[in-house]
Amino acid sequence: MQTAKFAKHIDKEQPVTHMEIHPRLQFINPYILQAYQNAGINEHDWQPEKGFAANSAIMHKIYVYYQQLYLQMPGQLLWAGLARMTGGQVMYGMKNICRIAKDPCVLTQNIVAVAKSIFERMAWQHELFISDRPALMHACTQLDAYAPAVHSYKTCWETILQNTPEAISKGNKMLLENEQHNTIQPYYDLIKQDSYSARYFRLTRFVMRQIHPYHRRFILRHPLGDVTLFKDRWKWIEGEKGMWQTWCSIDLQERIRLVSLSNEQVIRHDWH
C-alpha cells in the first residue's frame, strides 16, 4: 500500500510549491492516508498541476469532510468549522477566476495545491484529536521539532484540551495562524511571482467576501489592505469584530447550523 505524502506537486513548465516531509516524520504518513480514506478521496486523483476544473469535485469533498469533522466535536473543533465555511469563498472565487483566466495556470494550480497542503497538514491532527490523543501529542512533538510553525502544534492542542471557551478559542486560533502563515502564504507568494497569474490575483481583495455572515468582507474592513499578504489578512481575521472573534462568539447551535449548510448554500451565501 502506498502512503500519503505532504503535498509534492511539480509541473516543469508551471511549478507548484511543494512541501517535502522530513525523514523523521515518515511515521505520520499512515495518519494522512487514513484522513484521505475518511474523506473519500484517492490521494493520487488530487493533482494540482491540472488546475481547478479537473480537481473541483475533490475540492467539494474536502469541504464536506471538514463539515463532518467539525460536527463530531462542534464545541472544540472551531478551526475545522471555519475551514468548512471558507470553502464557499474558495469555490466561488475559483469558479469566477476560471471564467476570465486560463486553467490550469500558476494561480489555479497553487490554489488547489494549498488546499491539498492544508488538508495534509491539518486533517490527520483533527482525526487523532478525536480518536487517539496520546498519538497526536507524540506526532506533534516530532512535527514541532522537524517542521516548526509560528506556534507549536503540541501547544495548540494542549491549549484546546484545557476545555474552557477561552482556551478552545485560543488553541484553534493558533492552528489558524499556523495555517495562514506557514502553509498558505508561501503559495500566495509563488502566485505573485508569475506575471500572468499576478494580474488576476491582485483582484482578490475586491472579491473576497465574508466567510460567515457575522463579520464584514475584507475590502470594507481594510480598504487599502492586500488580502494576499499575511499581515493584512491576519488583521481581518483576528481583529476586533473580525472573522475569528465573531466565529467564536456565535451561539453553538447557530454555528452548527451554518456548518451544516450544503456546499451550494455556502457558495451562494444562502445563510438561511
Protein backbone atom coordinates (compact mmCIF):
# COMPACT_ATOMS: atom_id res chain seq x y z
CA MET A 1 0.00 0.00 0.00
CA GLN A 2 1.27 3.42 -0.90
CA THR A 3 1.21 6.03 1.81
CA ALA A 4 0.27 9.66 1.54
CA LYS A 5 2.90 12.36 1.44
CA PHE A 6 2.82 16.03 2.20
CA ALA A 7 1.96 17.96 -0.94
CA LYS A 8 4.60 17.38 -3.59
CA HIS A 9 3.30 18.88 -6.80
CA ILE A 10 5.66 19.79 -9.61
CA ASP A 11 4.79 20.88 -13.13
CA LYS A 12 8.01 21.51 -15.05
CA GLU A 13 6.54 24.36 -17.06
CA GLN A 14 4.45 25.89 -14.28
CA PRO A 15 5.97 24.75 -11.00
CA VAL A 16 3.82 24.49 -7.92
CA THR A 17 5.28 24.93 -4.44
CA HIS A 18 5.75 21.61 -2.70
CA MET A 19 6.40 20.58 0.89
CA GLU A 20 8.74 17.67 1.50
CA ILE A 21 8.14 15.61 4.59
CA HIS A 22 11.18 15.32 6.86
CA PRO A 23 12.53 11.73 7.08
CA ARG A 24 11.88 11.73 10.83
CA LEU A 25 8.18 12.41 10.15
CA GLN A 26 7.53 9.45 7.86
CA PHE A 27 5.53 7.77 10.63
CA ILE A 28 2.79 10.39 10.05
CA ASN A 29 2.09 9.03 6.56
CA PRO A 30 -0.45 6.37 7.65
CA TYR A 31 -2.40 9.04 9.55
CA ILE A 32 -2.56 11.19 6.42
CA LEU A 33 -3.67 8.20 4.35
CA GLN A 34 -6.42 7.46 6.86
CA ALA A 35 -7.67 11.04 6.57
CA TYR A 36 -7.81 10.61 2.78
CA GLN A 37 -9.83 7.44 3.17
CA ASN A 38 -12.22 9.07 5.64
CA ALA A 39 -12.72 11.95 3.20
CA GLY A 40 -13.47 9.55 0.36
CA ILE A 41 -10.54 10.84 -1.69
CA ASN A 42 -7.89 8.91 -3.60
CA GLU A 43 -4.72 10.89 -2.92
CA HIS A 44 -3.44 10.25 -6.45
CA ASP A 45 -6.55 11.78 -8.02
CA TRP A 46 -5.82 15.14 -6.39
CA GLN A 47 -3.47 16.65 -8.97
CA PRO A 48 -2.94 20.41 -8.55
CA GLU A 49 -0.87 20.68 -11.71
CA LYS A 50 -4.10 20.08 -13.65
CA GLY A 51 -5.71 23.21 -12.19
CA PHE A 52 -9.10 23.88 -10.66
CA ALA A 53 -11.69 22.38 -13.01
CA ALA A 54 -10.01 18.96 -13.00
CA ASN A 55 -9.95 18.96 -9.19
CA SER A 56 -13.23 20.71 -8.36
CA ALA A 57 -15.03 17.51 -7.34
CA ILE A 58 -12.26 16.74 -4.84
CA MET A 59 -12.35 20.32 -3.57
CA HIS A 60 -16.06 19.88 -2.85
CA LYS A 61 -15.27 16.67 -0.96
CA ILE A 62 -12.73 18.28 1.36
CA TYR A 63 -15.19 20.93 2.48
CA VAL A 64 -17.79 18.25 3.20
CA TYR A 65 -15.06 16.41 5.11
CA TYR A 66 -14.32 19.49 7.25
CA GLN A 67 -18.06 19.80 7.86
CA GLN A 68 -18.28 16.21 9.10
CA LEU A 69 -15.12 16.61 11.16
CA TYR A 70 -16.44 19.69 12.92
CA LEU A 71 -19.84 18.15 13.65
CA GLN A 72 -18.18 15.32 15.58
CA MET A 73 -16.95 17.80 18.20
CA PRO A 74 -18.58 21.18 17.49
CA GLY A 75 -17.61 22.66 20.82
CA GLN A 76 -13.88 22.06 20.27
CA LEU A 77 -13.03 21.87 16.56
CA LEU A 78 -13.53 25.54 15.69
CA TRP A 79 -10.79 25.54 13.04
CA ALA A 80 -12.50 22.72 11.14
CA GLY A 81 -15.83 24.54 11.18
CA LEU A 82 -14.30 27.72 9.81
CA ALA A 83 -12.34 25.73 7.20
CA ARG A 84 -15.65 24.31 6.03
CA MET A 85 -17.13 27.82 5.68
CA THR A 86 -14.02 29.08 3.89
CA GLY A 87 -14.69 26.52 1.19
CA GLY A 88 -17.57 28.64 -0.04
CA GLN A 89 -15.25 31.55 -0.83
CA VAL A 90 -12.62 29.29 -2.41
CA MET A 91 -15.12 27.60 -4.72
CA TYR A 92 -16.89 30.88 -5.55
CA GLY A 93 -13.62 32.67 -6.23
CA MET A 94 -12.12 29.94 -8.37
CA LYS A 95 -15.23 29.46 -10.48
CA ASN A 96 -15.19 33.17 -11.28
CA ILE A 97 -11.43 33.30 -11.90
CA CYS A 98 -11.73 30.42 -14.36
CA ARG A 99 -14.19 32.48 -16.41
CA ILE A 100 -11.51 35.08 -17.17
CA ALA A 101 -8.17 33.28 -16.69
CA LYS A 102 -6.85 30.15 -18.31
CA ASP A 103 -6.99 26.96 -16.29
CA PRO A 104 -4.55 25.47 -15.48
CA CYS A 105 -2.24 28.36 -14.73
CA VAL A 106 0.06 29.12 -11.79
CA LEU A 107 -2.87 30.72 -9.95
CA THR A 108 -5.32 27.84 -10.27
CA GLN A 109 -2.63 25.22 -9.71
CA ASN A 110 -1.44 26.80 -6.49
CA ILE A 111 -4.89 27.40 -5.03
CA VAL A 112 -5.58 23.69 -5.48
CA ALA A 113 -2.11 22.85 -4.13
CA VAL A 114 -2.55 24.94 -0.99
CA ALA A 115 -5.90 23.27 -0.30
CA LYS A 116 -4.14 19.91 -0.53
CA SER A 117 -1.30 21.04 1.73
CA ILE A 118 -3.75 22.33 4.35
CA PHE A 119 -5.58 19.01 4.27
CA GLU A 120 -2.37 17.01 4.63
CA ARG A 121 -1.14 19.17 7.49
CA MET A 122 -4.38 19.56 9.44
CA ALA A 123 -6.77 16.67 8.74
CA TRP A 124 -4.81 13.93 10.48
CA GLN A 125 -4.27 16.10 13.55
CA HIS A 126 -8.01 16.50 13.94
CA GLU A 127 -8.57 12.79 13.35
CA LEU A 128 -6.12 11.95 16.14
CA PHE A 129 -7.61 14.55 18.48
CA ILE A 130 -10.89 12.68 18.17
CA SER A 131 -9.54 9.14 18.30
CA ASP A 132 -6.03 8.93 19.81
CA ARG A 133 -4.76 11.93 21.76
CA PRO A 134 -1.53 10.33 23.03
CA ALA A 135 -0.60 9.58 19.41
CA LEU A 136 -1.47 13.16 18.48
CA MET A 137 0.81 14.59 21.15
CA HIS A 138 3.67 12.31 20.12
CA ALA A 139 3.24 13.18 16.45
CA CYS A 140 3.01 16.91 17.14
CA THR A 141 6.16 16.81 19.25
CA GLN A 142 8.01 15.45 16.23
CA LEU A 143 6.25 17.84 13.87
CA ASP A 144 7.30 20.79 16.01
CA ALA A 145 10.91 19.59 16.01
CA TYR A 146 11.29 18.98 12.28
CA ALA A 147 8.68 21.26 10.67
CA PRO A 148 8.22 24.17 13.11
CA ALA A 149 5.48 26.74 12.60
CA VAL A 150 4.55 30.03 14.29
CA HIS A 151 3.03 28.07 17.18
CA SER A 152 3.91 24.65 18.50
CA TYR A 153 1.23 22.23 17.29
CA LYS A 154 1.51 20.31 20.55
CA THR A 155 0.83 23.51 22.46
CA CYS A 156 -2.15 24.30 20.24
CA TRP A 157 -3.82 21.02 21.11
CA GLU A 158 -2.83 21.13 24.76
CA THR A 159 -4.47 24.55 24.95
CA ILE A 160 -7.67 23.21 23.36
CA LEU A 161 -7.65 20.33 25.84
CA GLN A 162 -7.97 22.81 28.72
CA ASN A 163 -11.59 22.81 27.53
CA THR A 164 -12.62 26.30 28.57
CA PRO A 165 -14.21 28.57 25.95
CA GLU A 166 -11.21 30.90 26.10
CA ALA A 167 -8.65 28.10 25.78
CA ILE A 168 -10.56 26.38 22.98
CA SER A 169 -10.72 29.65 21.03
CA LYS A 170 -7.05 30.41 21.67
CA GLY A 171 -5.77 26.97 20.67
CA ASN A 172 -7.83 26.92 17.48
CA LYS A 173 -6.71 30.43 16.59
CA MET A 174 -3.10 29.29 16.96
CA LEU A 175 -3.82 26.47 14.49
CA LEU A 176 -5.36 29.03 12.16
CA GLU A 177 -2.32 31.31 12.36
CA ASN A 178 -0.03 28.38 11.54
CA GLU A 179 -2.20 27.59 8.52
CA GLN A 180 -2.27 31.19 7.29
CA HIS A 181 1.41 31.96 7.86
CA ASN A 182 3.24 28.69 7.31
CA THR A 183 1.04 26.83 4.83
CA ILE A 184 -0.90 29.37 2.78
CA GLN A 185 1.46 32.33 2.43
CA PRO A 186 4.28 30.50 0.55
CA TYR A 187 1.80 29.52 -2.16
CA TYR A 188 0.45 33.05 -2.40
CA ASP A 189 3.98 34.38 -2.76
CA LEU A 190 4.64 31.98 -5.62
CA ILE A 191 1.48 33.01 -7.45
CA LYS A 192 2.57 36.64 -7.33
CA GLN A 193 5.91 35.75 -8.94
CA ASP A 194 4.12 34.71 -12.13
CA SER A 195 3.20 37.78 -14.20
CA TYR A 196 0.14 36.21 -15.84
CA SER A 197 -1.38 34.95 -12.60
CA ALA A 198 -0.45 38.05 -10.61
CA ARG A 199 -2.67 40.28 -12.76
CA TYR A 200 -5.71 38.27 -11.64
CA PHE A 201 -4.55 37.52 -8.11
CA ARG A 202 -4.26 41.22 -7.28
CA LEU A 203 -8.05 41.46 -7.66
CA THR A 204 -8.55 39.16 -4.68
CA ARG A 205 -9.06 41.94 -2.14
CA PHE A 206 -12.02 43.25 -4.12
CA VAL A 207 -13.79 39.90 -4.46
CA MET A 208 -13.00 38.40 -1.05
CA ARG A 209 -16.43 38.01 0.55
CA GLN A 210 -17.49 37.18 4.08
CA ILE A 211 -16.51 33.72 5.25
CA HIS A 212 -19.54 33.62 7.54
CA PRO A 213 -22.42 36.08 7.97
CA TYR A 214 -21.27 37.68 11.23
CA HIS A 215 -18.25 39.63 10.02
CA ARG A 216 -17.55 42.12 7.22
CA ARG A 217 -15.85 41.44 3.92
CA PHE A 218 -12.17 42.32 3.58
CA ILE A 219 -12.47 45.46 1.42
CA LEU A 220 -14.89 47.08 3.90
CA ARG A 221 -12.64 46.44 6.89
CA HIS A 222 -9.30 47.16 5.21
CA PRO A 223 -9.91 49.17 2.02
CA LEU A 224 -6.19 49.81 1.49
CA GLY A 225 -5.07 46.31 2.50
CA ASP A 226 -3.93 43.34 0.46
CA VAL A 227 -5.61 40.08 1.45
CA THR A 228 -2.85 38.08 -0.27
CA LEU A 229 -0.38 39.36 2.36
CA PHE A 230 -0.36 37.54 5.68
CA LYS A 231 -0.12 40.69 7.80
CA ASP A 232 -3.20 42.29 6.21
CA ARG A 233 -5.16 39.06 6.04
CA TRP A 234 -4.45 38.33 9.69
CA LYS A 235 -5.74 41.75 10.75
CA TRP A 236 -9.00 40.92 9.02
CA ILE A 237 -9.16 37.50 10.65
CA GLU A 238 -8.23 38.22 14.25
CA GLY A 239 -9.08 41.89 14.73
CA GLU A 240 -11.91 43.38 16.77
CA LYS A 241 -15.21 42.06 15.37
CA GLY A 242 -13.14 40.18 12.81
CA MET A 243 -13.70 36.77 11.29
CA TRP A 244 -12.33 34.78 14.22
CA GLN A 245 -13.76 36.74 17.14
CA THR A 246 -17.25 36.68 15.64
CA TRP A 247 -16.96 32.99 14.73
CA CYS A 248 -16.18 32.08 18.32
CA SER A 249 -18.90 34.30 19.75
CA ILE A 250 -21.68 32.75 17.66
CA ASP A 251 -24.07 30.60 19.68
CA LEU A 252 -23.09 26.92 19.35
CA GLN A 253 -26.37 25.91 17.74
CA GLU A 254 -26.09 28.70 15.19
CA ARG A 255 -22.52 27.67 14.36
CA ILE A 256 -23.68 24.07 13.91
CA ARG A 257 -26.50 25.27 11.66
CA LEU A 258 -24.13 27.27 9.47
CA VAL A 259 -21.58 24.45 9.15
CA SER A 260 -24.41 22.02 8.34
CA LEU A 261 -25.45 24.00 5.26
CA SER A 262 -24.73 22.41 1.89
CA ASN A 263 -21.69 23.41 -0.17
CA GLU A 264 -24.01 25.12 -2.64
CA GLN A 265 -25.68 27.18 0.08
CA VAL A 266 -22.33 28.31 1.48
CA ILE A 267 -21.06 29.21 -2.00
CA ARG A 268 -24.20 31.26 -2.69
CA HIS A 269 -24.13 32.87 0.76
CA ASP A 270 -27.58 31.42 1.31
CA TRP A 271 -27.22 31.54 5.09
CA HIS A 272 -30.88 30.84 5.88
